[in-house]
């Protein structure tokens, strides 16, 4: 088995050859998996999906925490991509497709390995067989796989295929937008998520492209700006709601983030010179 593994950030490729009648179980349940069946036939089960025949030329996506067990009907060769990083393809998918499928009965979904994708898999097999491995190469090949999938598969196909991990992304982002306002700092946010500071920071970099601290500052500034637009909301209410110790403290904040006093910024936002 040829693989690269990093405990914090993982993109792993494994080539496996199994004899007929072998039981296969994915052990790294904390990772997402793409299983490319290159040759042979196997009976695949995971979660609510039971006894699905998969053959050479099929690929299956198994989201983290899914307990996959497969029985080989023939000699089988497969390539396994396991990862816990954010996949760029998600940012380009139309989430309307995902919403359309959210109310569907869950179905076992697999896709065919199309020729452009097979070419990439062949290059990975070459590197693996020649014991050429590195983190950078694994990451590059992972990106190449998802770029080809985005190009040669429809958005509907990918939304169905990657639905579990798309839901993971939406859930994380929705949780952040809903609960960040309830905490005072990054430490409390990490505790709320039951994550270490390091893990939370990594997730924010993947999902938002920023650190938790800077993201929280931006959200606070955005909400304060929204409140300042509404002239009916008293300044004192904003000061109290966001925990400023005094009007002077709030003024200092506004000068730093908006370049002017709260009153001047409110006038500018409302296009008024009053």
Protein backbone atom coordinates (compact mmCIF):
# COMPACT_ATOMS: atom_id res chain seq x y z
CA UNK A 1 0.00 0.00 0.00
CA UNK A 2 1.35 3.39 -1.05
CA UNK A 3 -0.04 6.38 0.82
CA UNK A 4 0.68 9.80 2.25
CA UNK A 5 -0.89 10.76 5.58
CA UNK A 6 -0.82 13.92 7.64
CA UNK A 7 -2.75 14.01 10.92
CA UNK A 8 -3.90 17.62 10.47
CA UNK A 9 -4.58 17.86 6.75
CA UNK A 10 -4.98 14.72 4.70
CA UNK A 11 -5.08 13.88 1.02
CA UNK A 12 -4.36 10.17 0.70
CA UNK A 13 -4.20 7.91 -2.36
CA UNK A 14 -4.18 4.13 -1.94
CA UNK A 15 -4.08 1.41 -4.59
CA UNK A 16 -5.60 -1.87 -3.46
CA UNK A 17 -5.79 -5.29 -5.06
CA UNK A 18 -8.19 -7.74 -3.39
CA UNK A 19 -8.95 -11.38 -4.12
CA UNK A 20 -12.43 -12.81 -4.69
CA UNK A 21 -14.52 -13.23 -1.53
CA UNK A 22 -12.64 -10.56 0.44
CA UNK A 23 -14.48 -8.26 2.87
CA UNK A 24 -13.38 -4.62 2.61
CA UNK A 25 -14.04 -2.00 5.29
CA UNK A 26 -12.97 1.64 5.23
CA UNK A 27 -11.34 2.34 8.59
CA UNK A 28 -10.67 6.09 8.36
CA UNK A 29 -14.27 7.11 9.05
CA UNK A 30 -13.22 10.68 9.91
CA UNK A 31 -12.31 11.23 6.25
CA UNK A 32 -14.31 11.56 3.04
CA UNK A 33 -13.60 8.90 0.42
CA UNK A 34 -13.78 8.60 -3.35
CA UNK A 35 -13.55 4.97 -4.40
CA UNK A 36 -12.63 4.35 -8.05
CA UNK A 37 -13.23 0.71 -9.07
CA UNK A 38 -10.71 -0.06 -11.79
CA UNK A 39 -11.38 -3.78 -12.30
CA UNK A 40 -13.75 -6.42 -10.98
CA UNK A 41 -17.08 -6.50 -9.14
CA UNK A 42 -18.03 -5.86 -5.53
CA UNK A 43 -21.16 -5.69 -3.40
CA UNK A 44 -21.19 -2.38 -1.50
CA UNK A 45 -23.15 -1.41 1.62
CA UNK A 46 -22.94 1.67 3.83
CA UNK A 47 -25.37 3.42 6.15
CA UNK A 48 -28.89 2.87 4.77
CA UNK A 49 -27.61 1.59 1.42
CA UNK A 50 -27.44 -2.20 1.27
CA UNK A 51 -26.10 -4.63 -1.33
CA UNK A 52 -25.38 -2.49 -4.37
CA UNK A 53 -23.38 -4.02 -7.21
CA UNK A 54 -20.45 -1.87 -8.33
CA UNK A 55 -18.13 -2.83 -11.19
CA UNK A 56 -14.98 -1.67 -12.93
CA UNK A 57 -15.56 1.83 -14.31
CA UNK A 58 -17.77 2.93 -11.38
CA UNK A 59 -16.88 5.50 -8.73
CA UNK A 60 -18.56 5.96 -5.35
CA UNK A 61 -18.45 8.87 -2.93
CA UNK A 62 -18.55 7.97 0.77
CA UNK A 63 -18.83 10.91 3.17
CA UNK A 64 -17.09 10.88 6.53
CA UNK A 65 -18.70 8.89 9.35
CA UNK A 66 -20.22 6.42 6.86
CA UNK A 67 -19.44 2.78 7.63
CA UNK A 68 -18.71 1.16 4.26
CA UNK A 69 -18.38 -2.61 3.92
CA UNK A 70 -17.90 -4.32 0.56
CA UNK A 71 -17.58 -7.94 -0.52
CA UNK A 72 -15.59 -8.71 -3.66
CA UNK A 73 -17.34 -10.97 -6.18
CA UNK A 74 -14.20 -11.23 -8.33
CA UNK A 75 -10.60 -10.13 -8.03
CA UNK A 76 -10.84 -6.36 -7.62
CA UNK A 77 -8.48 -3.45 -8.10
CA UNK A 78 -9.48 -0.02 -6.87
CA UNK A 79 -7.97 3.38 -6.16
CA UNK A 80 -9.07 5.14 -2.98
CA UNK A 81 -8.83 8.90 -2.49
CA UNK A 82 -9.36 9.88 1.16
CA UNK A 83 -9.37 13.51 2.26
CA UNK A 84 -10.47 15.94 4.96
CA UNK A 85 -9.78 19.22 3.17
CA UNK A 86 -12.37 21.41 1.49
CA UNK A 87 -12.84 20.53 -2.19
CA UNK A 88 -12.86 23.53 -4.51
CA UNK A 89 -15.58 22.06 -6.71
CA UNK A 90 -18.18 22.81 -4.04
CA UNK A 91 -17.78 26.55 -4.46
CA UNK A 92 -18.76 26.29 -8.12
CA UNK A 93 -21.86 24.13 -7.75
CA UNK A 94 -25.30 25.66 -8.03
CA UNK A 95 -26.73 25.09 -4.57
CA UNK A 96 -30.21 25.28 -6.10
CA UNK A 97 -29.55 21.77 -7.41
CA UNK A 98 -28.77 20.63 -3.89
CA UNK A 99 -31.94 22.23 -2.51
CA UNK A 100 -33.97 20.49 -5.21
CA UNK A 101 -32.63 17.12 -4.06
CA UNK A 102 -32.82 17.71 -0.30
CA UNK A 103 -36.38 16.41 -0.11
CA UNK A 104 -35.67 13.37 -2.26
CA UNK A 105 -35.60 9.90 -0.84
CA UNK A 106 -31.96 8.99 -0.33
CA UNK A 107 -30.62 6.91 -3.20
CA UNK A 108 -27.38 5.05 -3.71
CA UNK A 109 -25.47 7.20 -6.15
CA UNK A 110 -22.50 6.26 -8.27
CA UNK A 111 -21.00 7.75 -11.42
CA UNK A 112 -19.13 6.26 -14.33
CA UNK A 113 -15.42 6.98 -14.69
CA UNK A 114 -15.27 8.96 -17.93
CA UNK A 115 -12.18 8.97 -20.20
CA UNK A 116 -10.70 12.34 -19.08
CA UNK A 117 -10.94 11.20 -15.45
CA UNK A 118 -9.49 7.79 -16.29
CA UNK A 119 -6.43 9.55 -17.71
CA UNK A 120 -5.79 11.24 -14.36
CA UNK A 121 -6.27 7.97 -12.49
CA UNK A 122 -3.73 6.31 -14.80
CA UNK A 123 -1.17 9.01 -13.92
CA UNK A 124 -1.82 8.48 -10.21
CA UNK A 125 -1.33 4.73 -10.64
CA UNK A 126 1.98 5.43 -12.39
CA UNK A 127 3.21 7.61 -9.54
CA UNK A 128 2.03 5.17 -6.88
CA UNK A 129 3.56 2.13 -8.62
CA UNK A 130 6.88 3.96 -8.93
CA UNK A 131 6.74 4.98 -5.26
CA UNK A 132 6.62 8.69 -6.13
CA UNK A 133 4.71 10.37 -3.33
CA UNK A 134 4.47 13.79 -1.74
CA UNK A 135 1.86 15.94 -0.12
CA UNK A 136 2.08 18.49 -2.93
CA UNK A 137 1.57 15.83 -5.61
CA UNK A 138 -1.43 14.36 -3.79
CA UNK A 139 -3.05 17.77 -3.43
CA UNK A 140 -2.39 18.61 -7.10
CA UNK A 141 -3.93 15.33 -8.27
CA UNK A 142 -6.94 15.80 -6.01
CA UNK A 143 -7.54 19.26 -7.50
CA UNK A 144 -7.12 17.85 -10.99
CA UNK A 145 -9.71 15.14 -10.30
CA UNK A 146 -12.32 17.64 -9.14
CA UNK A 147 -11.53 20.07 -11.95
CA UNK A 148 -12.18 17.32 -14.50
CA UNK A 149 -15.34 16.27 -12.67
CA UNK A 150 -16.60 19.86 -12.77
CA UNK A 151 -15.90 19.99 -16.51
CA UNK A 152 -17.14 16.59 -17.70
CA UNK A 153 -20.07 15.93 -15.35
CA UNK A 154 -23.23 17.98 -15.05
CA UNK A 155 -24.00 20.08 -11.98
CA UNK A 156 -27.01 17.90 -11.33
CA UNK A 157 -24.84 14.77 -11.38
CA UNK A 158 -22.28 16.30 -9.03
CA UNK A 159 -24.90 17.76 -6.68
CA UNK A 160 -26.43 14.32 -6.26
CA UNK A 161 -23.07 12.58 -6.05
CA UNK A 162 -21.53 14.97 -3.50
CA UNK A 163 -24.74 15.77 -1.61
CA UNK A 164 -23.45 14.51 1.78
CA UNK A 165 -20.35 16.72 1.79
CA UNK A 166 -22.28 19.67 0.35
CA UNK A 167 -24.66 19.35 3.28
CA UNK A 168 -21.65 19.27 5.64
CA UNK A 169 -20.46 22.61 4.21
CA UNK A 170 -23.86 24.24 4.43
CA UNK A 171 -24.34 22.99 7.98
CA UNK A 172 -20.98 24.40 9.14
CA UNK A 173 -21.54 27.80 7.56
CA UNK A 174 -25.10 28.03 8.82
CA UNK A 175 -23.94 27.14 12.34
CA UNK A 176 -21.30 29.88 12.26
CA UNK A 177 -23.70 32.58 11.05
CA UNK A 178 -26.29 31.55 13.64
CA UNK A 179 -24.07 31.23 16.72
CA UNK A 180 -21.00 33.46 16.38
CA UNK A 181 -23.00 36.36 17.82
CA UNK A 182 -23.54 34.35 21.02
CA UNK A 183 -19.83 34.22 21.92
CA UNK A 184 -17.33 36.85 22.97
CA UNK A 185 -14.17 35.50 21.36
CA UNK A 186 -12.61 32.72 19.29
CA UNK A 187 -11.96 30.56 22.37
CA UNK A 188 -15.66 30.50 23.20
CA UNK A 189 -16.55 29.80 19.56
CA UNK A 190 -14.18 26.83 19.50
CA UNK A 191 -15.72 25.49 22.72
CA UNK A 192 -19.19 25.90 21.26
CA UNK A 193 -18.13 23.85 18.22
CA UNK A 194 -16.28 21.31 20.36
CA UNK A 195 -13.13 21.97 18.33
CA UNK A 196 -9.58 22.95 19.15
CA UNK A 197 -8.46 26.44 18.13
CA UNK A 198 -6.22 24.85 15.49
CA UNK A 199 -9.06 22.78 13.99
CA UNK A 200 -11.46 25.72 14.03
CA UNK A 201 -8.88 27.93 12.32
CA UNK A 202 -8.29 25.29 9.64
CA UNK A 203 -12.02 24.95 9.01
CA UNK A 204 -12.47 28.72 8.71
CA UNK A 205 -9.60 28.92 6.24
CA UNK A 206 -11.21 26.18 4.13
CA UNK A 207 -14.80 27.44 4.28
CA UNK A 208 -14.41 31.22 4.56
CA UNK A 209 -10.83 31.90 3.45
CA UNK A 210 -10.12 33.80 6.66
CA UNK A 211 -9.25 33.32 10.32
CA UNK A 212 -12.09 33.03 12.88
CA UNK A 213 -10.96 36.27 14.56
CA UNK A 214 -10.93 38.35 11.37
CA UNK A 215 -14.19 36.78 10.17
CA UNK A 216 -15.92 37.63 13.46
CA UNK A 217 -14.64 41.21 13.28
CA UNK A 218 -15.99 41.56 9.74
CA UNK A 219 -19.38 40.18 10.74
CA UNK A 220 -19.58 42.55 13.70
CA UNK A 221 -18.69 45.54 11.51
CA UNK A 222 -21.27 44.48 8.92
CA UNK A 223 -24.06 44.25 11.50
CA UNK A 224 -23.14 47.56 13.10
CA UNK A 225 -23.20 49.15 9.66
CA UNK A 226 -26.67 47.69 9.08
CA UNK A 227 -27.90 49.17 12.37
CA UNK A 228 -26.37 52.57 11.61
CA UNK A 229 -28.26 52.71 8.32
CA UNK A 230 -31.53 52.66 10.23
CA UNK A 231 -31.79 56.14 11.75
CA UNK A 232 -34.60 54.98 14.03
CA UNK A 233 -32.21 52.82 16.05
CA UNK A 234 -30.65 54.87 18.88
CA UNK A 235 -26.87 54.92 19.19
CA UNK A 236 -27.20 53.84 22.81
CA UNK A 237 -29.00 50.67 21.72
CA UNK A 238 -26.11 49.72 19.42
CA UNK A 239 -23.59 50.49 22.15
CA UNK A 240 -25.44 48.26 24.62
CA UNK A 241 -26.14 45.44 22.15
CA UNK A 242 -22.50 45.12 21.10
CA UNK A 243 -20.97 45.56 24.51
CA UNK A 244 -19.15 48.86 24.07
CA UNK A 245 -18.19 50.26 27.45
CA UNK A 246 -19.10 53.84 26.57
CA UNK A 247 -20.03 56.17 23.68
CA UNK A 248 -16.35 57.09 23.47
CA UNK A 249 -15.42 53.42 23.07
CA UNK A 250 -17.97 53.09 20.24
CA UNK A 251 -16.65 56.23 18.57
CA UNK A 252 -13.10 54.87 18.69
CA UNK A 253 -14.35 51.62 17.11
CA UNK A 254 -16.15 53.42 14.28
CA UNK A 255 -13.16 55.64 13.53
CA UNK A 256 -10.96 52.53 13.29
CA UNK A 257 -13.30 50.44 11.12
CA UNK A 258 -15.28 53.06 9.17
CA UNK A 259 -12.91 56.00 9.20
CA UNK A 260 -15.32 58.40 10.94
CA UNK A 261 -17.53 58.88 13.99
CA UNK A 262 -20.80 56.93 14.31
CA UNK A 263 -22.89 60.04 13.63
CA UNK A 264 -20.87 61.01 10.56
CA UNK A 265 -20.97 57.46 9.23
CA UNK A 266 -24.75 57.27 9.73
CA UNK A 267 -25.17 60.51 7.77
CA UNK A 268 -22.95 59.20 4.97
CA UNK A 269 -24.81 55.89 4.80
CA UNK A 270 -28.08 57.74 4.48
CA UNK A 271 -26.75 60.23 1.95
CA UNK A 272 -27.45 63.10 4.30
CA UNK A 273 -25.34 66.06 5.18
CA UNK A 274 -27.35 66.81 8.28
